[in-house]
Amino acid sequence: RFDEAVNVTWAKALERAGVHVVYGMAGLKIHSKCVLVVRNDDDGI
């Protein structure tokens, strides 16, 4: 709410850059705040 236009603008820019953009799930808002980074460290993934 209130940020729909900003989110649409960034979604388009991310897609143009090759980001896989997912627009949520039917009937559910994605309100969680999570980041996951996969890194190849010296001792493995």
PDB file of all heavy atoms in Angstrom:
ATOM      1  N   ARG A   1       0.823  -1.210   0.000  1.00  0.00           N
ATOM      2  CA  ARG A   1       0.000   0.000   0.000  1.00  0.00           C
ATOM      3  C   ARG A   1       0.862   1.269   0.000  1.00  0.00           C
ATOM      4  O   ARG A   1       1.804   1.386   0.770  1.00  0.00           O
ATOM      5  CB  ARG A   1      -0.920  -0.008   1.222  1.00  0.00           C
ATOM      6  CG  ARG A   1      -1.999   1.051   1.201  1.00  0.00           C
ATOM      7  CD  ARG A   1      -2.955   0.856   2.359  1.00  0.00           C
ATOM      8  NE  ARG A   1      -2.252   0.654   3.618  1.00  0.00           N
ATOM      9  CZ  ARG A   1      -2.846   0.684   4.803  1.00  0.00           C
ATOM     10  NH1 ARG A   1      -4.148   0.876   4.879  1.00  0.00           N
ATOM     11  NH2 ARG A   1      -2.170   0.490   5.899  1.00  0.00           N
ATOM     12  N   PHE A   2       0.519   2.184  -0.866  1.00  0.00           N
ATOM     13  CA  PHE A   2       1.165   3.486  -1.058  1.00  0.00           C
ATOM     14  C   PHE A   2       2.469   3.399  -1.870  1.00  0.00           C
ATOM     15  O   PHE A   2       2.972   4.421  -2.314  1.00  0.00           O
ATOM     16  CB  PHE A   2       1.479   4.183   0.278  1.00  0.00           C
ATOM     17  CG  PHE A   2       0.302   4.294   1.197  1.00  0.00           C
ATOM     18  CD1 PHE A   2       0.398   3.856   2.501  1.00  0.00           C
ATOM     19  CD2 PHE A   2      -0.901   4.828   0.748  1.00  0.00           C
ATOM     20  CE1 PHE A   2      -0.694   3.950   3.356  1.00  0.00           C
ATOM     21  CE2 PHE A   2      -1.989   4.931   1.599  1.00  0.00           C
ATOM     22  CZ  PHE A   2      -1.886   4.488   2.900  1.00  0.00           C
ATOM     23  N   ASP A   3       3.020   2.192  -2.044  1.00  0.00           N
ATOM     24  CA  ASP A   3       4.292   2.062  -2.753  1.00  0.00           C
ATOM     25  C   ASP A   3       4.156   1.253  -4.040  1.00  0.00           C
ATOM     26  O   ASP A   3       5.149   0.761  -4.580  1.00  0.00           O
ATOM     27  CB  ASP A   3       5.338   1.403  -1.849  1.00  0.00           C
ATOM     28  CG  ASP A   3       5.828   2.348  -0.763  1.00  0.00           C
ATOM     29  OD1 ASP A   3       6.101   3.507  -1.098  1.00  0.00           O
ATOM     30  OD2 ASP A   3       5.922   1.923   0.391  1.00  0.00           O
ATOM     31  N   GLU A   4       2.928   1.112  -4.539  1.00  0.00           N
ATOM     32  CA  GLU A   4       2.725   0.287  -5.738  1.00  0.00           C
ATOM     33  C   GLU A   4       3.518   0.816  -6.928  1.00  0.00           C
ATOM     34  O   GLU A   4       4.182   0.049  -7.643  1.00  0.00           O
ATOM     35  CB  GLU A   4       1.232   0.243  -6.091  1.00  0.00           C
ATOM     36  CG  GLU A   4       0.347  -0.444  -5.058  1.00  0.00           C
ATOM     37  CD  GLU A   4      -0.200   0.506  -4.010  1.00  0.00           C
ATOM     38  OE1 GLU A   4       0.339   1.632  -3.885  1.00  0.00           O
ATOM     39  OE2 GLU A   4      -1.145   0.127  -3.311  1.00  0.00           O
ATOM     40  N   ALA A   5       3.486   2.136  -7.159  1.00  0.00           N
ATOM     41  CA  ALA A   5       4.138   2.714  -8.339  1.00  0.00           C
ATOM     42  C   ALA A   5       5.654   2.529  -8.270  1.00  0.00           C
ATOM     43  O   ALA A   5       6.296   2.169  -9.265  1.00  0.00           O
ATOM     44  CB  ALA A   5       3.791   4.200  -8.459  1.00  0.00           C
ATOM     45  N   VAL A   6       6.234   2.753  -7.094  1.00  0.00           N
ATOM     46  CA  VAL A   6       7.682   2.582  -6.927  1.00  0.00           C
ATOM     47  C   VAL A   6       8.072   1.127  -7.169  1.00  0.00           C
ATOM     48  O   VAL A   6       9.072   0.847  -7.851  1.00  0.00           O
ATOM     49  CB  VAL A   6       8.119   3.030  -5.514  1.00  0.00           C
ATOM     50  CG1 VAL A   6       9.583   2.683  -5.259  1.00  0.00           C
ATOM     51  CG2 VAL A   6       7.909   4.526  -5.346  1.00  0.00           C
ATOM     52  N   ASN A   7       7.299   0.200  -6.625  1.00  0.00           N
ATOM     53  CA  ASN A   7       7.620  -1.212  -6.796  1.00  0.00           C
ATOM     54  C   ASN A   7       7.521  -1.655  -8.253  1.00  0.00           C
ATOM     55  O   ASN A   7       8.336  -2.450  -8.730  1.00  0.00           O
ATOM     56  CB  ASN A   7       6.697  -2.067  -5.917  1.00  0.00           C
ATOM     57  CG  ASN A   7       7.082  -2.002  -4.451  1.00  0.00           C
ATOM     58  OD1 ASN A   7       7.990  -1.274  -4.074  1.00  0.00           O
ATOM     59  ND2 ASN A   7       6.391  -2.763  -3.624  1.00  0.00           N
ATOM     60  N   VAL A   8       6.530  -1.141  -8.978  1.00  0.00           N
ATOM     61  CA  VAL A   8       6.405  -1.485 -10.399  1.00  0.00           C
ATOM     62  C   VAL A   8       7.602  -0.958 -11.180  1.00  0.00           C
ATOM     63  O   VAL A   8       8.169  -1.657 -12.043  1.00  0.00           O
ATOM     64  CB  VAL A   8       5.077  -0.918 -10.973  1.00  0.00           C
ATOM     65  CG1 VAL A   8       5.081  -1.014 -12.499  1.00  0.00           C
ATOM     66  CG2 VAL A   8       3.883  -1.665 -10.395  1.00  0.00           C
ATOM     67  N   THR A   9       8.022   0.260 -10.874  1.00  0.00           N
ATOM     68  CA  THR A   9       9.175   0.847 -11.567  1.00  0.00           C
ATOM     69  C   THR A   9      10.431   0.015 -11.343  1.00  0.00           C
ATOM     70  O   THR A   9      11.168  -0.294 -12.296  1.00  0.00           O
ATOM     71  CB  THR A   9       9.405   2.289 -11.077  1.00  0.00           C
ATOM     72  OG1 THR A   9       8.248   3.068 -11.371  1.00  0.00           O
ATOM     73  CG2 THR A   9      10.613   2.903 -11.761  1.00  0.00           C
ATOM     74  N   TRP A  10      10.682  -0.362 -10.089  1.00  0.00           N
ATOM     75  CA  TRP A  10      11.877  -1.165  -9.815  1.00  0.00           C
ATOM     76  C   TRP A  10      11.751  -2.565 -10.402  1.00  0.00           C
ATOM     77  O   TRP A  10      12.748  -3.143 -10.863  1.00  0.00           O
ATOM     78  CB  TRP A  10      12.128  -1.239  -8.310  1.00  0.00           C
ATOM     79  CG  TRP A  10      12.877  -0.067  -7.771  1.00  0.00           C
ATOM     80  CD1 TRP A  10      12.468   0.824  -6.820  1.00  0.00           C
ATOM     81  CD2 TRP A  10      14.181   0.373  -8.165  1.00  0.00           C
ATOM     82  NE1 TRP A  10      13.426   1.775  -6.593  1.00  0.00           N
ATOM     83  CE2 TRP A  10      14.497   1.523  -7.403  1.00  0.00           C
ATOM     84  CE3 TRP A  10      15.120  -0.092  -9.086  1.00  0.00           C
ATOM     85  CZ2 TRP A  10      15.704   2.204  -7.533  1.00  0.00           C
ATOM     86  CZ3 TRP A  10      16.330   0.587  -9.219  1.00  0.00           C
ATOM     87  CH2 TRP A  10      16.617   1.715  -8.457  1.00  0.00           C
ATOM     88  N   ALA A  11      10.561  -3.130 -10.409  1.00  0.00           N
ATOM     89  CA  ALA A  11      10.375  -4.462 -10.981  1.00  0.00           C
ATOM     90  C   ALA A  11      10.770  -4.480 -12.454  1.00  0.00           C
ATOM     91  O   ALA A  11      11.454  -5.397 -12.929  1.00  0.00           O
ATOM     92  CB  ALA A  11       8.924  -4.905 -10.813  1.00  0.00           C
ATOM     93  N   LYS A  12      10.370  -3.448 -13.191  1.00  0.00           N
ATOM     94  CA  LYS A  12      10.727  -3.365 -14.609  1.00  0.00           C
ATOM     95  C   LYS A  12      12.226  -3.217 -14.787  1.00  0.00           C
ATOM     96  O   LYS A  12      12.835  -3.847 -15.673  1.00  0.00           O
ATOM     97  CB  LYS A  12       9.981  -2.198 -15.255  1.00  0.00           C
ATOM     98  CG  LYS A  12       8.477  -2.394 -15.360  1.00  0.00           C
ATOM     99  CD  LYS A  12       7.803  -1.176 -15.980  1.00  0.00           C
ATOM    100  CE  LYS A  12       6.294  -1.378 -16.107  1.00  0.00           C
ATOM    101  NZ  LYS A  12       5.619  -0.179 -16.670  1.00  0.00           N
ATOM    102  N   ALA A  13      12.858  -2.364 -13.959  1.00  0.00           N
ATOM    103  CA  ALA A  13      14.304  -2.155 -14.071  1.00  0.00           C
ATOM    104  C   ALA A  13      15.061  -3.431 -13.732  1.00  0.00           C
ATOM    105  O   ALA A  13      16.064  -3.774 -14.392  1.00  0.00           O
ATOM    106  CB  ALA A  13      14.731  -1.017 -13.139  1.00  0.00           C
ATOM    107  N   LEU A  14      14.611  -4.153 -12.723  1.00  0.00           N
ATOM    108  CA  LEU A  14      15.266  -5.401 -12.347  1.00  0.00           C
ATOM    109  C   LEU A  14      15.127  -6.446 -13.452  1.00  0.00           C
ATOM    110  O   LEU A  14      16.095  -7.163 -13.775  1.00  0.00           O
ATOM    111  CB  LEU A  14      14.661  -5.929 -11.041  1.00  0.00           C
ATOM    112  CG  LEU A  14      14.999  -5.121  -9.772  1.00  0.00           C
ATOM    113  CD1 LEU A  14      14.032  -5.474  -8.645  1.00  0.00           C
ATOM    114  CD2 LEU A  14      16.433  -5.375  -9.335  1.00  0.00           C
ATOM    115  N   GLU A  15      13.948  -6.543 -14.041  1.00  0.00           N
ATOM    116  CA  GLU A  15      13.752  -7.508 -15.121  1.00  0.00           C
ATOM    117  C   GLU A  15      14.653  -7.194 -16.311  1.00  0.00           C
ATOM    118  O   GLU A  15      15.225  -8.103 -16.932  1.00  0.00           O
ATOM    119  CB  GLU A  15      12.281  -7.513 -15.548  1.00  0.00           C
ATOM    120  CG  GLU A  15      11.367  -8.247 -14.583  1.00  0.00           C
ATOM    121  CD  GLU A  15       9.946  -8.349 -15.114  1.00  0.00           C
ATOM    122  OE1 GLU A  15       9.541  -7.466 -15.901  1.00  0.00           O
ATOM    123  OE2 GLU A  15       9.251  -9.307 -14.740  1.00  0.00           O
ATOM    124  N   ARG A  16      14.787  -5.907 -16.640  1.00  0.00           N
ATOM    125  CA  ARG A  16      15.650  -5.521 -17.770  1.00  0.00           C
ATOM    126  C   ARG A  16      17.107  -5.915 -17.525  1.00  0.00           C
ATOM    127  O   ARG A  16      17.849  -6.189 -18.467  1.00  0.00           O
ATOM    128  CB  ARG A  16      15.547  -4.015 -18.023  1.00  0.00           C
ATOM    129  CG  ARG A  16      14.257  -3.576 -18.682  1.00  0.00           C
ATOM    130  CD  ARG A  16      14.358  -2.157 -19.228  1.00  0.00           C
ATOM    131  NE  ARG A  16      14.563  -1.186 -18.162  1.00  0.00           N
ATOM    132  CZ  ARG A  16      13.577  -0.544 -17.546  1.00  0.00           C
ATOM    133  NH1 ARG A  16      12.310  -0.780 -17.879  1.00  0.00           N
ATOM    134  NH2 ARG A  16      13.843   0.327 -16.591  1.00  0.00           N
ATOM    135  N   ALA A  17      17.505  -5.954 -16.250  1.00  0.00           N
ATOM    136  CA  ALA A  17      18.889  -6.301 -15.917  1.00  0.00           C
ATOM    137  C   ALA A  17      19.113  -7.802 -15.852  1.00  0.00           C
ATOM    138  O   ALA A  17      20.245  -8.249 -15.644  1.00  0.00           O
ATOM    139  CB  ALA A  17      19.268  -5.664 -14.579  1.00  0.00           C
ATOM    140  N   GLY A  18      18.046  -8.576 -15.996  1.00  0.00           N
ATOM    141  CA  GLY A  18      18.184 -10.021 -15.972  1.00  0.00           C
ATOM    142  C   GLY A  18      17.834 -10.663 -14.651  1.00  0.00           C
ATOM    143  O   GLY A  18      18.093 -11.858 -14.437  1.00  0.00           O
ATOM    144  N   VAL A  19      17.245  -9.901 -13.742  1.00  0.00           N
ATOM    145  CA  VAL A  19      16.809 -10.456 -12.459  1.00  0.00           C
ATOM    146  C   VAL A  19      15.537 -11.265 -12.667  1.00  0.00           C
ATOM    147  O   VAL A  19      14.640 -10.862 -13.423  1.00  0.00           O
ATOM    148  CB  VAL A  19      16.567  -9.315 -11.444  1.00  0.00           C
ATOM    149  CG1 VAL A  19      15.977  -9.864 -10.154  1.00  0.00           C
ATOM    150  CG2 VAL A  19      17.864  -8.567 -11.166  1.00  0.00           C
ATOM    151  N   HIS A  20      15.462 -12.400 -11.986  1.00  0.00           N
ATOM    152  CA  HIS A  20      14.236 -13.195 -11.998  1.00  0.00           C
ATOM    153  C   HIS A  20      13.278 -12.571 -10.980  1.00  0.00           C
ATOM    154  O   HIS A  20      13.480 -12.689  -9.766  1.00  0.00           O
ATOM    155  CB  HIS A  20      14.533 -14.646 -11.640  1.00  0.00           C
ATOM    156  CG  HIS A  20      13.318 -15.521 -11.584  1.00  0.00           C
ATOM    157  ND1 HIS A  20      13.293 -16.742 -10.956  1.00  0.00           N
ATOM    158  CD2 HIS A  20      12.067 -15.348 -12.094  1.00  0.00           C
ATOM    159  CE1 HIS A  20      12.094 -17.266 -11.058  1.00  0.00           C
ATOM    160  NE2 HIS A  20      11.339 -16.446 -11.752  1.00  0.00           N
ATOM    161  N   VAL A  21      12.268 -11.876 -11.446  1.00  0.00           N
ATOM    162  CA  VAL A  21      11.330 -11.164 -10.582  1.00  0.00           C
ATOM    163  C   VAL A  21      10.069 -12.002 -10.422  1.00  0.00           C
ATOM    164  O   VAL A  21       9.452 -12.428 -11.401  1.00  0.00           O
ATOM    165  CB  VAL A  21      10.983  -9.774 -11.150  1.00  0.00           C
ATOM    166  CG1 VAL A  21       9.961  -9.076 -10.257  1.00  0.00           C
ATOM    167  CG2 VAL A  21      12.243  -8.922 -11.279  1.00  0.00           C
ATOM    168  N   VAL A  22       9.681 -12.217  -9.175  1.00  0.00           N
ATOM    169  CA  VAL A  22       8.470 -12.970  -8.851  1.00  0.00           C
ATOM    170  C   VAL A  22       7.495 -12.012  -8.178  1.00  0.00           C
ATOM    171  O   VAL A  22       7.881 -11.241  -7.291  1.00  0.00           O
ATOM    172  CB  VAL A  22       8.780 -14.155  -7.915  1.00  0.00           C
ATOM    173  CG1 VAL A  22       7.508 -14.932  -7.574  1.00  0.00           C
ATOM    174  CG2 VAL A  22       9.813 -15.072  -8.567  1.00  0.00           C
ATOM    175  N   TYR A  23       6.239 -12.058  -8.598  1.00  0.00           N
ATOM    176  CA  TYR A  23       5.250 -11.092  -8.130  1.00  0.00           C
ATOM    177  C   TYR A  23       4.302 -11.678  -7.094  1.00  0.00           C
ATOM    178  O   TYR A  23       3.107 -11.450  -7.129  1.00  0.00           O
ATOM    179  CB  TYR A  23       4.466 -10.522  -9.312  1.00  0.00           C
ATOM    180  CG  TYR A  23       5.332  -9.748 -10.273  1.00  0.00           C
ATOM    181  CD1 TYR A  23       5.788 -10.328 -11.453  1.00  0.00           C
ATOM    182  CD2 TYR A  23       5.710  -8.445  -9.979  1.00  0.00           C
ATOM    183  CE1 TYR A  23       6.588  -9.617 -12.330  1.00  0.00           C
ATOM    184  CE2 TYR A  23       6.512  -7.723 -10.848  1.00  0.00           C
ATOM    185  CZ  TYR A  23       6.948  -8.326 -12.018  1.00  0.00           C
ATOM    186  OH  TYR A  23       7.755  -7.606 -12.880  1.00  0.00           O
ATOM    187  N   GLY A  24       4.809 -12.419  -6.146  1.00  0.00           N
ATOM    188  CA  GLY A  24       3.995 -12.869  -5.027  1.00  0.00           C
ATOM    189  C   GLY A  24       3.200 -14.124  -5.330  1.00  0.00           C
ATOM    190  O   GLY A  24       3.368 -14.777  -6.363  1.00  0.00           O
ATOM    191  N   MET A  25       2.320 -14.456  -4.397  1.00  0.00           N
ATOM    192  CA  MET A  25       1.502 -15.664  -4.478  1.00  0.00           C
ATOM    193  C   MET A  25       0.029 -15.271  -4.474  1.00  0.00           C
ATOM    194  O   MET A  25      -0.357 -14.271  -3.848  1.00  0.00           O
ATOM    195  CB  MET A  25       1.787 -16.594  -3.290  1.00  0.00           C
ATOM    196  CG  MET A  25       3.246 -16.990  -3.150  1.00  0.00           C
ATOM    197  SD  MET A  25       3.501 -18.135  -1.774  1.00  0.00           S
ATOM    198  CE  MET A  25       2.737 -19.626  -2.429  1.00  0.00           C
ATOM    199  N   ALA A  26      -0.785 -16.048  -5.143  1.00  0.00           N
ATOM    200  CA  ALA A  26      -2.220 -15.760  -5.212  1.00  0.00           C
ATOM    201  C   ALA A  26      -2.833 -15.801  -3.820  1.00  0.00           C
ATOM    202  O   ALA A  26      -2.695 -16.785  -3.086  1.00  0.00           O
ATOM    203  CB  ALA A  26      -2.905 -16.777  -6.114  1.00  0.00           C
ATOM    204  N   GLY A  27      -3.485 -14.711  -3.447  1.00  0.00           N
ATOM    205  CA  GLY A  27      -4.195 -14.649  -2.173  1.00  0.00           C
ATOM    206  C   GLY A  27      -3.348 -14.327  -0.968  1.00  0.00           C
ATOM    207  O   GLY A  27      -3.870 -14.211   0.146  1.00  0.00           O
ATOM    208  N   LEU A  28      -2.025 -14.187  -1.140  1.00  0.00           N
ATOM    209  CA  LEU A  28      -1.136 -13.914  -0.009  1.00  0.00           C
ATOM    210  C   LEU A  28      -0.201 -12.757  -0.337  1.00  0.00           C
ATOM    211  O   LEU A  28       0.384 -12.711  -1.426  1.00  0.00           O
ATOM    212  CB  LEU A  28      -0.294 -15.147   0.338  1.00  0.00           C
ATOM    213  CG  LEU A  28      -1.018 -16.374   0.875  1.00  0.00           C
ATOM    214  CD1 LEU A  28      -0.037 -17.535   1.007  1.00  0.00           C
ATOM    215  CD2 LEU A  28      -1.667 -16.085   2.213  1.00  0.00           C
ATOM    216  N   LYS A  29      -0.061 -11.826   0.608  1.00  0.00           N
ATOM    217  CA  LYS A  29       0.956 -10.789   0.479  1.00  0.00           C
ATOM    218  C   LYS A  29       2.276 -11.315   1.029  1.00  0.00           C
ATOM    219  O   LYS A  29       2.299 -12.001   2.055  1.00  0.00           O
ATOM    220  CB  LYS A  29       0.552  -9.546   1.279  1.00  0.00           C
ATOM    221  CG  LYS A  29      -0.244  -8.512   0.514  1.00  0.00           C
ATOM    222  CD  LYS A  29      -0.337  -7.220   1.308  1.00  0.00           C
ATOM    223  CE  LYS A  29      -1.090  -6.157   0.518  1.00  0.00           C
ATOM    224  NZ  LYS A  29      -1.128  -4.868   1.251  1.00  0.00           N
ATOM    225  N   ILE A  30       3.367 -10.980   0.363  1.00  0.00           N
ATOM    226  CA  ILE A  30       4.690 -11.351   0.872  1.00  0.00           C
ATOM    227  C   ILE A  30       5.198 -10.186   1.710  1.00  0.00           C
ATOM    228  O   ILE A  30       5.684  -9.185   1.182  1.00  0.00           O
ATOM    229  CB  ILE A  30       5.648 -11.703  -0.270  1.00  0.00           C
ATOM    230  CG1 ILE A  30       5.101 -12.892  -1.057  1.00  0.00           C
ATOM    231  CG2 ILE A  30       7.034 -12.030   0.289  1.00  0.00           C
ATOM    232  CD1 ILE A  30       5.934 -13.278  -2.245  1.00  0.00           C
ATOM    233  N   HIS A  31       5.078 -10.307   3.006  1.00  0.00           N
ATOM    234  CA  HIS A  31       5.414  -9.234   3.935  1.00  0.00           C
ATOM    235  C   HIS A  31       6.715  -9.521   4.688  1.00  0.00           C
ATOM    236  O   HIS A  31       7.206  -8.675   5.434  1.00  0.00           O
ATOM    237  CB  HIS A  31       4.263  -9.034   4.927  1.00  0.00           C
ATOM    238  CG  HIS A  31       4.359  -7.804   5.755  1.00  0.00           C
ATOM    239  ND1 HIS A  31       4.538  -7.831   7.128  1.00  0.00           N
ATOM    240  CD2 HIS A  31       4.308  -6.491   5.408  1.00  0.00           C
ATOM    241  CE1 HIS A  31       4.586  -6.599   7.584  1.00  0.00           C
ATOM    242  NE2 HIS A  31       4.445  -5.763   6.577  1.00  0.00           N
ATOM    243  N   SER A  32       7.286 -10.716   4.520  1.00  0.00           N
ATOM    244  CA  SER A  32       8.509 -11.079   5.221  1.00  0.00           C
ATOM    245  C   SER A  32       9.687 -10.264   4.706  1.00  0.00           C
ATOM    246  O   SER A  32       9.671  -9.758   3.580  1.00  0.00           O
ATOM    247  CB  SER A  32       8.793 -12.572   5.043  1.00  0.00           C
ATOM    248  OG  SER A  32       8.864 -12.895   3.665  1.00  0.00           O
ATOM    249  N   LYS A  33      10.727 -10.130   5.545  1.00  0.00           N
ATOM    250  CA  LYS A  33      11.914  -9.341   5.199  1.00  0.00           C
ATOM    251  C   LYS A  33      13.132 -10.263   5.264  1.00  0.00           C
ATOM    252  O   LYS A  33      13.718 -10.490   6.329  1.00  0.00           O
ATOM    253  CB  LYS A  33      12.110  -8.176   6.168  1.00  0.00           C
ATOM    254  CG  LYS A  33      10.819  -7.600   6.758  1.00  0.00           C
ATOM    255  CD  LYS A  33       9.932  -6.924   5.741  1.00  0.00           C
ATOM    256  CE  LYS A  33       8.718  -6.304   6.438  1.00  0.00           C
ATOM    257  NZ  LYS A  33       7.768  -5.702   5.495  1.00  0.00           N
ATOM    258  N   CYS A  34      13.500 -10.830   4.120  1.00  0.00           N
ATOM    259  CA  CYS A  34      14.562 -11.844   4.095  1.00  0.00           C
ATOM    260  C   CYS A  34      15.487 -11.638   2.905  1.00  0.00           C
ATOM    261  O   CYS A  34      15.049 -11.271   1.807  1.00  0.00           O
ATOM    262  CB  CYS A  34      13.970 -13.246   3.989  1.00  0.00           C
ATOM    263  SG  CYS A  34      12.838 -13.698   5.307  1.00  0.00           S
ATOM    264  N   VAL A  35      16.779 -11.908   3.139  1.00  0.00           N
ATOM    265  CA  VAL A  35      17.779 -11.954   2.074  1.00  0.00           C
ATOM    266  C   VAL A  35      18.578 -13.232   2.251  1.00  0.00           C
ATOM    267  O   VAL A  35      18.936 -13.598   3.381  1.00  0.00           O
ATOM    268  CB  VAL A  35      18.745 -10.750   2.122  1.00  0.00           C
ATOM    269  CG1 VAL A  35      19.755 -10.834   0.979  1.00  0.00           C
ATOM    270  CG2 VAL A  35      17.998  -9.440   2.060  1.00  0.00           C
ATOM    271  N   LEU A  36      18.870 -13.899   1.157  1.00  0.00           N
ATOM    272  CA  LEU A  36      19.720 -15.089   1.179  1.00  0.00           C
ATOM    273  C   LEU A  36      20.838 -14.905   0.154  1.00  0.00           C
ATOM    274  O   LEU A  36      20.571 -14.611  -1.013  1.00  0.00           O
ATOM    275  CB  LEU A  36      18.911 -16.344   0.838  1.00  0.00           C
ATOM    276  CG  LEU A  36      19.671 -17.674   0.911  1.00  0.00           C
ATOM    277  CD1 LEU A  36      19.990 -18.019   2.362  1.00  0.00           C
ATOM    278  CD2 LEU A  36      18.858 -18.800   0.269  1.00  0.00           C
ATOM    279  N   VAL A  37      22.081 -15.062   0.601  1.00  0.00           N
ATOM    280  CA  VAL A  37      23.251 -14.934  -0.267  1.00  0.00           C
ATOM    281  C   VAL A  37      23.985 -16.268  -0.270  1.00  0.00           C
ATOM    282  O   VAL A  37      24.307 -16.814   0.794  1.00  0.00           O
ATOM    283  CB  VAL A  37      24.193 -13.811   0.212  1.00  0.00           C
ATOM    284  CG1 VAL A  37      25.485 -13.808  -0.599  1.00  0.00           C
ATOM    285  CG2 VAL A  37      23.502 -12.455   0.117  1.00  0.00           C
ATOM    286  N   VAL A  38      24.258 -16.805  -1.465  1.00  0.00           N
ATOM    287  CA  VAL A  38      24.995 -18.057  -1.612  1.00  0.00           C
ATOM    288  C   VAL A  38      26.411 -17.710  -2.051  1.00  0.00           C
ATOM    289  O   VAL A  38      26.613 -17.059  -3.083  1.00  0.00           O
ATOM    290  CB  VAL A  38      24.329 -18.990  -2.643  1.00  0.00           C
ATOM    291  CG1 VAL A  38      25.102 -20.299  -2.753  1.00  0.00           C
ATOM    292  CG2 VAL A  38      22.874 -19.252  -2.261  1.00  0.00           C
ATOM    293  N   ARG A  39      27.401 -18.141  -1.245  1.00  0.00           N
ATOM    294  CA  ARG A  39      28.798 -17.730  -1.472  1.00  0.00           C
ATOM    295  C   ARG A  39      29.712 -18.952  -1.453  1.00  0.00           C
ATOM    296  O   ARG A  39      29.558 -19.860  -0.623  1.00  0.00           O
ATOM    297  CB  ARG A  39      29.225 -16.734  -0.391  1.00  0.00           C
ATOM    298  CG  ARG A  39      30.579 -16.071  -0.619  1.00  0.00           C
ATOM    299  CD  ARG A  39      30.799 -14.997   0.437  1.00  0.00           C
ATOM    300  NE  ARG A  39      31.992 -14.195   0.175  1.00  0.00           N
ATOM    301  CZ  ARG A  39      33.188 -14.435   0.677  1.00  0.00           C
ATOM    302  NH1 ARG A  39      33.378 -15.502   1.463  1.00  0.00           N
ATOM    303  NH2 ARG A  39      34.211 -13.649   0.398  1.00  0.00           N
ATOM    304  N   ASN A  40      30.687 -18.956  -2.338  1.00  0.00           N
ATOM    305  CA  ASN A  40      31.673 -20.037  -2.416  1.00  0.00           C
ATOM    306  C   ASN A  40      32.864 -19.675  -1.528  1.00  0.00           C
ATOM    307  O   ASN A  40      33.824 -19.054  -1.972  1.00  0.00           O
ATOM    308  CB  ASN A  40      32.111 -20.234  -3.868  1.00  0.00           C
ATOM    309  CG  ASN A  40      33.018 -21.442  -4.033  1.00  0.00           C
ATOM    310  OD1 ASN A  40      33.141 -22.261  -3.122  1.00  0.00           O
ATOM    311  ND2 ASN A  40      33.658 -21.549  -5.193  1.00  0.00           N
ATOM    312  N   ASP A  41      32.803 -20.066  -0.260  1.00  0.00           N
ATOM    313  CA  ASP A  41      33.886 -19.790   0.678  1.00  0.00           C
ATOM    314  C   ASP A  41      35.032 -20.773   0.478  1.00  0.00           C
ATOM    315  O   ASP A  41      34.914 -21.747  -0.266  1.00  0.00           O
ATOM    316  CB  ASP A  41      33.368 -19.870   2.115  1.00  0.00           C
ATOM    317  CG  ASP A  41      32.441 -18.723   2.466  1.00  0.00           C
ATOM    318  OD1 ASP A  41      32.450 -17.702   1.738  1.00  0.00           O
ATOM    319  OD2 ASP A  41      31.698 -18.837   3.463  1.00  0.00           O
ATOM    320  N   ASP A  42      36.133 -20.529   1.180  1.00  0.00           N
ATOM    321  CA  ASP A  42      37.307 -21.393   1.056  1.00  0.00           C
ATOM    322  C   ASP A  42      37.000 -22.834   1.441  1.00  0.00           C
ATOM    323  O   ASP A  42      37.603 -23.770   0.896  1.00  0.00           O
ATOM    324  CB  ASP A  42      38.449 -20.864   1.925  1.00  0.00           C
ATOM    325  CG  ASP A  42      39.040 -19.561   1.382  1.00  0.00           C
ATOM    326  OD1 ASP A  42      38.930 -19.336   0.158  1.00  0.00           O
ATOM    327  OD2 ASP A  42      39.601 -18.793   2.182  1.00  0.00           O
ATOM    328  N   ASP A  43      36.079 -23.016   2.388  1.00  0.00           N
ATOM    329  CA  ASP A  43      35.756 -24.359   2.866  1.00  0.00           C
ATOM    330  C   ASP A  43      34.478 -24.907   2.251  1.00  0.00           C
ATOM    331  O   ASP A  43      33.901 -25.860   2.758  1.00  0.00           O
ATOM    332  CB  ASP A  43      35.665 -24.365   4.398  1.00  0.00           C
ATOM    333  CG  ASP A  43      34.659 -23.353   4.923  1.00  0.00           C
ATOM    334  OD1 ASP A  43      34.210 -22.493   4.130  1.00  0.00           O
ATOM    335  OD2 ASP A  43      34.318 -23.416   6.121  1.00  0.00           O
ATOM    336  N   GLY A  44      34.001 -24.281   1.176  1.00  0.00           N
ATOM    337  CA  GLY A  44      32.818 -24.789   0.487  1.00  0.00           C
ATOM    338  C   GLY A  44      31.708 -23.765   0.384  1.00  0.00           C
ATOM    339  O   GLY A  44      31.848 -22.614   0.819  1.00  0.00           O
ATOM    340  N   ILE A  45      30.599 -24.199  -0.201  1.00  0.00           N
ATOM    341  CA  ILE A  45      29.456 -23.309  -0.375  1.00  0.00           C
ATOM    342  C   ILE A  45      28.822 -23.026   0.988  1.00  0.00           C
ATOM    343  O   ILE A  45      28.584 -23.934   1.784  1.00  0.00           O
ATOM    344  CB  ILE A  45      28.408 -23.940  -1.308  1.00  0.00           C
ATOM    345  CG1 ILE A  45      29.007 -24.172  -2.705  1.00  0.00           C
ATOM    346  CG2 ILE A  45      27.163 -23.062  -1.392  1.00  0.00           C
ATOM    347  CD1 ILE A  45      29.351 -22.911  -3.446  1.00  0.00           C
TER     348      ILE A  45
END
